[in-house]
Structure formats: C-alpha cells, structure tokens
Amino acid sequence: MEIPRGSLQTQTFYEQVGGEETFRRLVRRFYEGVAGDPDLRAMYPEEDLGPAEERLALFLMQYWGGPRTYSESRGHPRLRMRHAPFKVDQAAHDAWLRHMREAVDSLELDPEHEQQLWKYFVFAARSMVNSAD
C-alpha cells in the first residue's frame, strides 16, 4: 500500500510489536510462571487462571494502543483498587517481575520495544506494592 505524499502514518506500540498475538503470547507465558509459583498463585482466587489471563491480555492490549475491549467490559482499570484486597509486598513484586521478565524475553522484541515494555512493567509492579512485609 502506497502512503500518499505529505501524510503521516503512525502505528501504535500495539501494532508495532505484532498486535493481539504478541500480547496473548506474553500473558500466556507470564501465567505459566504464575501457575507454578505458590506465592503468586495464592493471589488468584479462581480455580482456573484463564479469566485473569484474559483480563491482563485485554488490559495490556488497550494500554498499548489496541482495542478498548477492557474498558468496555470492565470500566476504568483502577489497578491499585483492584489489587488492594491482596497483600502485595516486595517478595510478590519480585516474583511478578521475574515471571514477567521471562515472558518479555520470550517475545524476542527489538531492543527499543523491549525496553519500553519492560520500563512500564517495572513501574507498574512498583505501584502495586501495598504492604511493607
């Protein structure tokens, strides 16, 4: 497809990294780690991690410029509020980032996209900590 002269074509981060397929692979890999982590797994009251996996995938797709399905079905993300019932301490923070690091690495993104994604996850994990111990 030829881009008309003088027009500006921009893609969202979501589109640049491969869209829905990429985010679903990321989240699937992340929850594989969570499933085998007794401390993190305890934070998920559902028998099946499938609903949590779906929520995170939809949230991340929306956050990075994809469809707004998350907000349409669940409203505003309110991440801190949604995580408030769970004790999120430094150990949970570290475990969450460990599994997310493995998931991000599995995508084999170009370094710029990988760094942008990882910077967000580090920030997000830090902001969810709600317990000193």
Protein backbone atom coordinates (compact mmCIF):
# COMPACT_ATOMS: atom_id res chain seq x y z
CA MET A 1 0.00 0.00 0.00
CA GLU A 2 1.41 3.36 -1.00
CA ILE A 3 1.28 6.15 1.55
CA PRO A 4 0.15 9.44 -0.02
CA ARG A 5 2.79 12.18 -0.09
CA GLY A 6 2.51 14.57 2.83
CA SER A 7 0.59 12.17 5.05
CA LEU A 8 1.86 10.89 8.33
CA GLN A 9 1.38 7.23 9.10
CA THR A 10 1.80 6.24 12.71
CA GLN A 11 1.38 2.91 14.35
CA THR A 12 0.68 2.29 17.98
CA PHE A 13 3.10 0.29 20.07
CA TYR A 14 0.46 -2.47 19.97
CA GLU A 15 0.65 -2.58 16.17
CA GLN A 16 4.44 -2.23 16.05
CA VAL A 17 5.04 -5.32 18.18
CA GLY A 18 2.54 -7.59 16.44
CA GLY A 19 -0.82 -6.77 17.97
CA GLU A 20 -3.07 -9.20 19.77
CA GLU A 21 -0.98 -12.30 19.06
CA THR A 22 2.08 -10.77 20.75
CA PHE A 23 0.22 -9.68 23.85
CA ARG A 24 -1.56 -13.01 24.17
CA ARG A 25 1.80 -14.85 23.93
CA LEU A 26 3.27 -12.52 26.56
CA VAL A 27 0.42 -13.04 29.00
CA ARG A 28 0.19 -16.79 28.39
CA ARG A 29 3.90 -17.17 29.17
CA PHE A 30 3.58 -14.96 32.25
CA TYR A 31 0.73 -17.04 33.68
CA GLU A 32 2.64 -20.26 33.02
CA GLY A 33 5.16 -18.90 35.51
CA VAL A 34 2.48 -17.76 37.95
CA ALA A 35 0.80 -21.18 37.87
CA GLY A 36 3.96 -22.79 39.21
CA ASP A 37 4.70 -20.11 41.81
CA PRO A 38 2.94 -20.95 45.11
CA ASP A 39 3.22 -17.41 46.50
CA LEU A 40 1.80 -15.65 43.45
CA ARG A 41 -0.70 -18.38 42.66
CA ALA A 42 -2.30 -17.78 46.07
CA MET A 43 -3.30 -14.29 44.90
CA TYR A 44 -5.61 -15.72 42.26
CA PRO A 45 -8.79 -16.99 43.88
CA GLU A 46 -10.15 -18.54 40.70
CA GLU A 47 -9.51 -22.23 40.13
CA ASP A 48 -8.52 -21.50 36.57
CA LEU A 49 -6.09 -18.73 35.70
CA GLY A 50 -7.88 -18.26 32.37
CA PRO A 51 -10.05 -15.31 33.47
CA ALA A 52 -7.05 -13.50 34.98
CA GLU A 53 -5.05 -14.18 31.83
CA GLU A 54 -7.85 -12.74 29.69
CA ARG A 55 -8.16 -9.61 31.86
CA LEU A 56 -4.43 -8.90 31.74
CA ALA A 57 -4.25 -9.50 27.99
CA LEU A 58 -7.17 -7.14 27.33
CA PHE A 59 -5.74 -4.52 29.68
CA LEU A 60 -2.28 -4.60 28.09
CA MET A 61 -3.66 -4.54 24.55
CA GLN A 62 -5.72 -1.47 25.40
CA TYR A 63 -2.90 0.25 27.31
CA TRP A 64 -0.52 -0.11 24.38
CA GLY A 65 -2.96 1.18 21.76
CA GLY A 66 -5.10 -1.80 20.80
CA PRO A 67 -8.84 -2.33 21.12
CA ARG A 68 -10.66 -0.80 24.10
CA THR A 69 -12.32 -4.09 25.00
CA TYR A 70 -11.02 -3.99 28.57
CA SER A 71 -12.71 -0.69 29.42
CA GLU A 72 -15.84 -1.59 27.51
CA SER A 73 -16.29 -4.74 29.58
CA ARG A 74 -14.76 -3.76 32.95
CA GLY A 75 -14.71 0.03 33.10
CA HIS A 76 -11.70 2.07 34.18
CA PRO A 77 -8.71 -0.13 35.03
CA ARG A 78 -8.28 1.23 38.61
CA LEU A 79 -5.31 -1.09 39.06
CA ARG A 80 -4.41 -0.18 42.64
CA MET A 81 -8.01 -0.54 43.75
CA ARG A 82 -8.40 -3.92 42.04
CA HIS A 83 -5.21 -5.19 43.73
CA ALA A 84 -5.97 -3.71 47.17
CA PRO A 85 -7.53 -6.93 48.57
CA PHE A 86 -4.24 -8.75 48.05
CA LYS A 87 -1.05 -8.39 50.05
CA VAL A 88 1.49 -7.20 47.51
CA ASP A 89 4.84 -6.99 49.24
CA GLN A 90 8.41 -6.86 47.96
CA ALA A 91 8.53 -10.63 47.53
CA ALA A 92 5.36 -10.59 45.41
CA HIS A 93 6.73 -7.64 43.43
CA ASP A 94 9.97 -9.51 42.75
CA ALA A 95 8.21 -12.74 41.79
CA TRP A 96 5.81 -10.90 39.48
CA LEU A 97 8.70 -9.17 37.74
CA ARG A 98 10.67 -12.42 37.48
CA HIS A 99 7.83 -14.13 35.62
CA MET A 100 7.14 -11.06 33.50
CA ARG A 101 10.85 -10.81 32.61
CA GLU A 102 10.77 -14.38 31.30
CA ALA A 103 7.61 -13.60 29.35
CA VAL A 104 9.03 -10.42 27.82
CA ASP A 105 12.26 -12.19 26.88
CA SER A 106 10.28 -14.94 25.17
CA LEU A 107 8.85 -12.41 22.70
CA GLU A 108 12.28 -11.56 21.27
CA LEU A 109 11.24 -7.96 20.54
CA ASP A 110 13.64 -5.43 19.13
CA PRO A 111 15.61 -3.72 21.94
CA GLU A 112 13.71 -0.42 21.79
CA HIS A 113 10.31 -2.07 22.16
CA GLU A 114 11.60 -4.48 24.79
CA GLN A 115 12.99 -1.62 26.88
CA GLN A 116 9.79 0.41 26.61
CA LEU A 117 7.65 -2.56 27.64
CA TRP A 118 9.97 -3.53 30.49
CA LYS A 119 10.15 0.03 31.83
CA TYR A 120 6.35 0.05 32.07
CA PHE A 121 6.26 -3.31 33.88
CA VAL A 122 8.85 -2.17 36.43
CA PHE A 123 6.81 0.97 37.09
CA ALA A 124 3.52 -0.94 37.28
CA ALA A 125 4.91 -3.59 39.64
CA ARG A 126 6.29 -0.92 41.96
CA SER A 127 2.98 0.93 42.05
CA MET A 128 1.07 -2.20 43.11
CA VAL A 129 3.10 -2.75 46.31
CA ASN A 130 0.76 -2.15 49.23
CA SER A 131 2.47 -3.92 52.12
CA ALA A 132 5.85 -3.39 53.74
CA ASP A 133 6.37 -7.06 54.58
